[in-house]
C-alpha atoms as a PDB file:
ATOM      1  CA  MET A   1       0.000   0.000   0.000  1.00  0.00           C
ATOM      2  CA  GLU A   2       3.097   2.223  -0.191  1.00  0.00           C
ATOM      3  CA  GLY A   3       2.426   5.575  -1.840  1.00  0.00           C
ATOM      4  CA  LYS A   4      -1.329   5.584  -1.386  1.00  0.00           C
ATOM      5  CA  ILE A   5      -3.011   8.446   0.425  1.00  0.00           C
ATOM      6  CA  ARG A   6      -4.598   7.042   3.585  1.00  0.00           C
ATOM      7  CA  VAL A   7      -8.013   8.543   4.341  1.00  0.00           C
ATOM      8  CA  LEU A   8     -10.243   8.036   7.373  1.00  0.00           C
ATOM      9  CA  VAL A   9     -13.954   8.594   6.691  1.00  0.00           C
ATOM     10  CA  ALA A  10     -15.869   9.056   9.936  1.00  0.00           C
ATOM     11  CA  LYS A  11     -19.435   9.660  11.115  1.00  0.00           C
ATOM     12  CA  PRO A  12     -19.279  11.576  14.404  1.00  0.00           C
ATOM     13  CA  GLY A  13     -22.187  11.812  16.803  1.00  0.00           C
ATOM     14  CA  LEU A  14     -25.629  10.312  16.587  1.00  0.00           C
ATOM     15  CA  ASP A  15     -26.238  10.862  12.874  1.00  0.00           C
ATOM     16  CA  GLY A  16     -27.376   7.541  11.427  1.00  0.00           C
ATOM     17  CA  HIS A  17     -27.304   8.473   7.751  1.00  0.00           C
ATOM     18  CA  ASP A  18     -24.173   7.116   6.121  1.00  0.00           C
ATOM     19  CA  ARG A  19     -25.018   6.735   2.436  1.00  0.00           C
ATOM     20  CA  GLY A  20     -23.056   9.872   1.478  1.00  0.00           C
ATOM     21  CA  ALA A  21     -20.033   8.832   3.535  1.00  0.00           C
ATOM     22  CA  LYS A  22     -20.032   5.416   1.863  1.00  0.00           C
ATOM     23  CA  ILE A  23     -20.303   6.974  -1.599  1.00  0.00           C
ATOM     24  CA  VAL A  24     -17.369   9.278  -0.864  1.00  0.00           C
ATOM     25  CA  ALA A  25     -15.356   6.387   0.601  1.00  0.00           C
ATOM     26  CA  ARG A  26     -15.930   4.314  -2.535  1.00  0.00           C
ATOM     27  CA  ALA A  27     -15.002   7.225  -4.825  1.00  0.00           C
ATOM     28  CA  LEU A  28     -11.775   7.807  -2.913  1.00  0.00           C
ATOM     29  CA  ARG A  29     -10.952   4.108  -3.064  1.00  0.00           C
ATOM     30  CA  ASP A  30     -11.660   4.040  -6.798  1.00  0.00           C
ATOM     31  CA  ALA A  31      -9.294   7.029  -7.151  1.00  0.00           C
ATOM     32  CA  GLY A  32      -6.475   4.935  -5.684  1.00  0.00           C
ATOM     33  CA  MET A  33      -6.606   6.012  -2.052  1.00  0.00           C
ATOM     34  CA  GLU A  34      -6.606   3.672   0.909  1.00  0.00           C
ATOM     35  CA  VAL A  35      -9.835   4.320   2.833  1.00  0.00           C
ATOM     36  CA  ILE A  36     -10.728   3.374   6.385  1.00  0.00           C
ATOM     37  CA  TYR A  37     -14.407   3.817   7.266  1.00  0.00           C
ATOM     38  CA  THR A  38     -15.220   3.980  10.987  1.00  0.00           C
ATOM     39  CA  GLY A  39     -18.926   3.308  10.809  1.00  0.00           C
ATOM     40  CA  LEU A  40     -21.657   5.189  12.634  1.00  0.00           C
ATOM     41  CA  HIS A  41     -21.823   6.894  16.026  1.00  0.00           C
ATOM     42  CA  GLN A  42     -18.172   7.737  16.612  1.00  0.00           C
ATOM     43  CA  THR A  43     -16.989  10.139  19.284  1.00  0.00           C
ATOM     44  CA  ALA A  44     -14.351  12.743  18.456  1.00  0.00           C
ATOM     45  CA  GLU A  45     -11.906  10.836  20.643  1.00  0.00           C
ATOM     46  CA  MET A  46     -12.599   7.569  18.808  1.00  0.00           C
ATOM     47  CA  ILE A  47     -12.065   9.250  15.449  1.00  0.00           C
ATOM     48  CA  VAL A  48      -8.743  10.788  16.486  1.00  0.00           C
ATOM     49  CA  GLN A  49      -7.558   7.530  18.046  1.00  0.00           C
ATOM     50  CA  THR A  50      -8.338   5.687  14.808  1.00  0.00           C
ATOM     51  CA  ALA A  51      -6.554   8.405  12.794  1.00  0.00           C
ATOM     52  CA  ILE A  52      -3.466   7.897  14.966  1.00  0.00           C
ATOM     53  CA  GLN A  53      -3.589   4.103  14.782  1.00  0.00           C
ATOM     54  CA  GLU A  54      -4.114   4.088  11.018  1.00  0.00           C
ATOM     55  CA  ASP A  55      -1.539   6.853  10.380  1.00  0.00           C
ATOM     56  CA  VAL A  56      -3.855   8.699   7.990  1.00  0.00           C
ATOM     57  CA  LYS A  57      -3.106  11.867   6.037  1.00  0.00           C
ATOM     58  CA  VAL A  58      -6.792  12.835   5.706  1.00  0.00           C
ATOM     59  CA  VAL A  59      -9.806  12.729   8.013  1.00  0.00           C
ATOM     60  CA  GLY A  60     -13.161  13.176   6.299  1.00  0.00           C
ATOM     61  CA  LEU A  61     -16.073  13.911   8.626  1.00  0.00           C
ATOM     62  CA  SER A  62     -19.651  13.435   7.468  1.00  0.00           C
ATOM     63  CA  LEU A  63     -22.597  14.821   9.406  1.00  0.00           C
ATOM     64  CA  LEU A  64     -26.220  15.597   8.651  1.00  0.00           C
ATOM     65  CA  SER A  65     -27.540  16.114  12.185  1.00  0.00           C
ATOM     66  CA  GLY A  66     -26.588  19.782  12.557  1.00  0.00           C
ATOM     67  CA  ALA A  67     -24.017  19.215  15.306  1.00  0.00           C
ATOM     68  CA  HIS A  68     -21.072  19.998  13.018  1.00  0.00           C
ATOM     69  CA  MET A  69     -19.959  23.105  14.925  1.00  0.00           C
ATOM     70  CA  THR A  70     -19.361  21.018  18.043  1.00  0.00           C
ATOM     71  CA  LEU A  71     -18.302  17.658  16.646  1.00  0.00           C
ATOM     72  CA  PHE A  72     -16.080  18.844  13.783  1.00  0.00           C
ATOM     73  CA  THR A  73     -14.282  21.359  15.997  1.00  0.00           C
ATOM     74  CA  ASP A  74     -13.837  18.722  18.721  1.00  0.00           C
ATOM     75  CA  VAL A  75     -12.038  16.500  16.213  1.00  0.00           C
ATOM     76  CA  THR A  76      -9.738  19.286  14.997  1.00  0.00           C
ATOM     77  CA  ARG A  77      -8.979  20.356  18.587  1.00  0.00           C
ATOM     78  CA  ILE A  78      -8.071  16.833  19.678  1.00  0.00           C
ATOM     79  CA  LEU A  79      -5.966  16.256  16.551  1.00  0.00           C
ATOM     80  CA  LYS A  80      -3.986  19.400  17.412  1.00  0.00           C
ATOM     81  CA  GLU A  81      -3.630  18.302  21.045  1.00  0.00           C
ATOM     82  CA  LYS A  82      -2.202  14.979  19.814  1.00  0.00           C
ATOM     83  CA  GLY A  83       0.294  16.730  17.530  1.00  0.00           C
ATOM     84  CA  MET A  84      -1.464  15.769  14.304  1.00  0.00           C
ATOM     85  CA  ASP A  85      -1.537  19.281  12.834  1.00  0.00           C
ATOM     86  CA  ASP A  86      -0.474  17.952   9.425  1.00  0.00           C
ATOM     87  CA  VAL A  87      -3.654  15.896   8.905  1.00  0.00           C
ATOM     88  CA  LEU A  88      -5.990  17.344   6.276  1.00  0.00           C
ATOM     89  CA  VAL A  89      -9.491  17.523   7.769  1.00  0.00           C
ATOM     90  CA  LEU A  90     -12.556  17.698   5.524  1.00  0.00           C
ATOM     91  CA  GLY A  91     -16.200  18.146   6.419  1.00  0.00           C
ATOM     92  CA  GLY A  92     -19.258  17.095   4.517  1.00  0.00           C
ATOM     93  CA  GLY A  93     -22.987  17.171   4.960  1.00  0.00           C
ATOM     94  CA  ILE A  94     -25.629  19.826   5.509  1.00  0.00           C
ATOM     95  CA  ILE A  95     -23.571  22.827   6.596  1.00  0.00           C
ATOM     96  CA  PRO A  96     -25.029  26.353   6.545  1.00  0.00           C
ATOM     97  CA  GLU A  97     -22.943  28.970   4.722  1.00  0.00           C
ATOM     98  CA  ASP A  98     -22.698  31.069   7.908  1.00  0.00           C
ATOM     99  CA  ASP A  99     -20.884  28.224   9.695  1.00  0.00           C
ATOM    100  CA  ILE A 100     -18.212  27.673   7.042  1.00  0.00           C
ATOM    101  CA  PRO A 101     -15.815  30.494   8.093  1.00  0.00           C
ATOM    102  CA  LYS A 102     -15.875  29.295  11.713  1.00  0.00           C
ATOM    103  CA  LEU A 103     -15.235  25.713  10.651  1.00  0.00           C
ATOM    104  CA  ARG A 104     -12.315  26.806   8.470  1.00  0.00           C
ATOM    105  CA  GLU A 105     -10.863  28.726  11.436  1.00  0.00           C
ATOM    106  CA  SER A 106     -11.077  25.555  13.524  1.00  0.00           C
ATOM    107  CA  GLY A 107      -9.013  23.614  10.991  1.00  0.00           C
ATOM    108  CA  ILE A 108     -11.521  22.160   8.536  1.00  0.00           C
ATOM    109  CA  LYS A 109      -9.728  22.754   5.227  1.00  0.00           C
ATOM    110  CA  GLY A 110     -12.375  21.520   2.794  1.00  0.00           C
ATOM    111  CA  ILE A 111     -16.142  21.603   3.128  1.00  0.00           C
ATOM    112  CA  PHE A 112     -18.333  19.677   0.708  1.00  0.00           C
ATOM    113  CA  GLY A 113     -22.105  19.691   0.633  1.00  0.00           C
ATOM    114  CA  PRO A 114     -24.644  17.392  -0.974  1.00  0.00           C
ATOM    115  CA  GLY A 115     -24.242  17.092  -4.722  1.00  0.00           C
ATOM    116  CA  THR A 116     -20.513  17.863  -4.745  1.00  0.00           C
ATOM    117  CA  PRO A 117     -18.947  15.980  -7.659  1.00  0.00           C
ATOM    118  CA  MET A 118     -16.710  13.198  -6.380  1.00  0.00           C
ATOM    119  CA  ASP A 119     -13.929  14.396  -8.690  1.00  0.00           C
ATOM    120  CA  ASP A 120     -13.878  17.700  -6.777  1.00  0.00           C
ATOM    121  CA  ILE A 121     -13.245  15.897  -3.486  1.00  0.00           C
ATOM    122  CA  VAL A 122     -10.601  13.619  -5.017  1.00  0.00           C
ATOM    123  CA  SER A 123      -8.836  16.597  -6.619  1.00  0.00           C
ATOM    124  CA  PHE A 124      -8.941  18.612  -3.392  1.00  0.00           C
ATOM    125  CA  ILE A 125      -7.293  15.793  -1.468  1.00  0.00           C
ATOM    126  CA  LYS A 126      -4.626  15.176  -4.104  1.00  0.00           C
ATOM    127  CA  GLU A 127      -3.817  18.893  -4.292  1.00  0.00           C
ATOM    128  CA  ASN A 128      -3.536  19.251  -0.516  1.00  0.00           C
ATOM    129  CA  VAL A 129      -1.747  16.076   0.564  1.00  0.00           C
ATOM    130  CA  GLU A 130       1.882  15.350  -0.099  1.00  0.00           C
ATOM    131  CA  GLU A 131       2.356  11.692  -0.967  1.00  0.00           C
END
């Protein structure tokens, strides 16, 4: 698996809708990335621990429940506390425009809503991760 970008796709919180996360995970895999999917109902701590164990370059968070301001920022805060500042963190789901600047300030580098072409996500990752 040498040379592949390792991506963790995670569903924080109580959101039980994972179709979008699975579609993104499959698209990233098909683009040649190594993808680890955590499944539903992950805490921020669980996500960061998995990112550490799997030595990922990217963490993609998917959330439709509206708790993105808390859960996404918890993940970025804990990643920083653990010294993982170099991990590219992406957010996806239903995210109001007003929340995007605050999420970017917290460390979410890419934000992708419903209907985003998969090629856009793949390109963003490839442009922002050094292999």
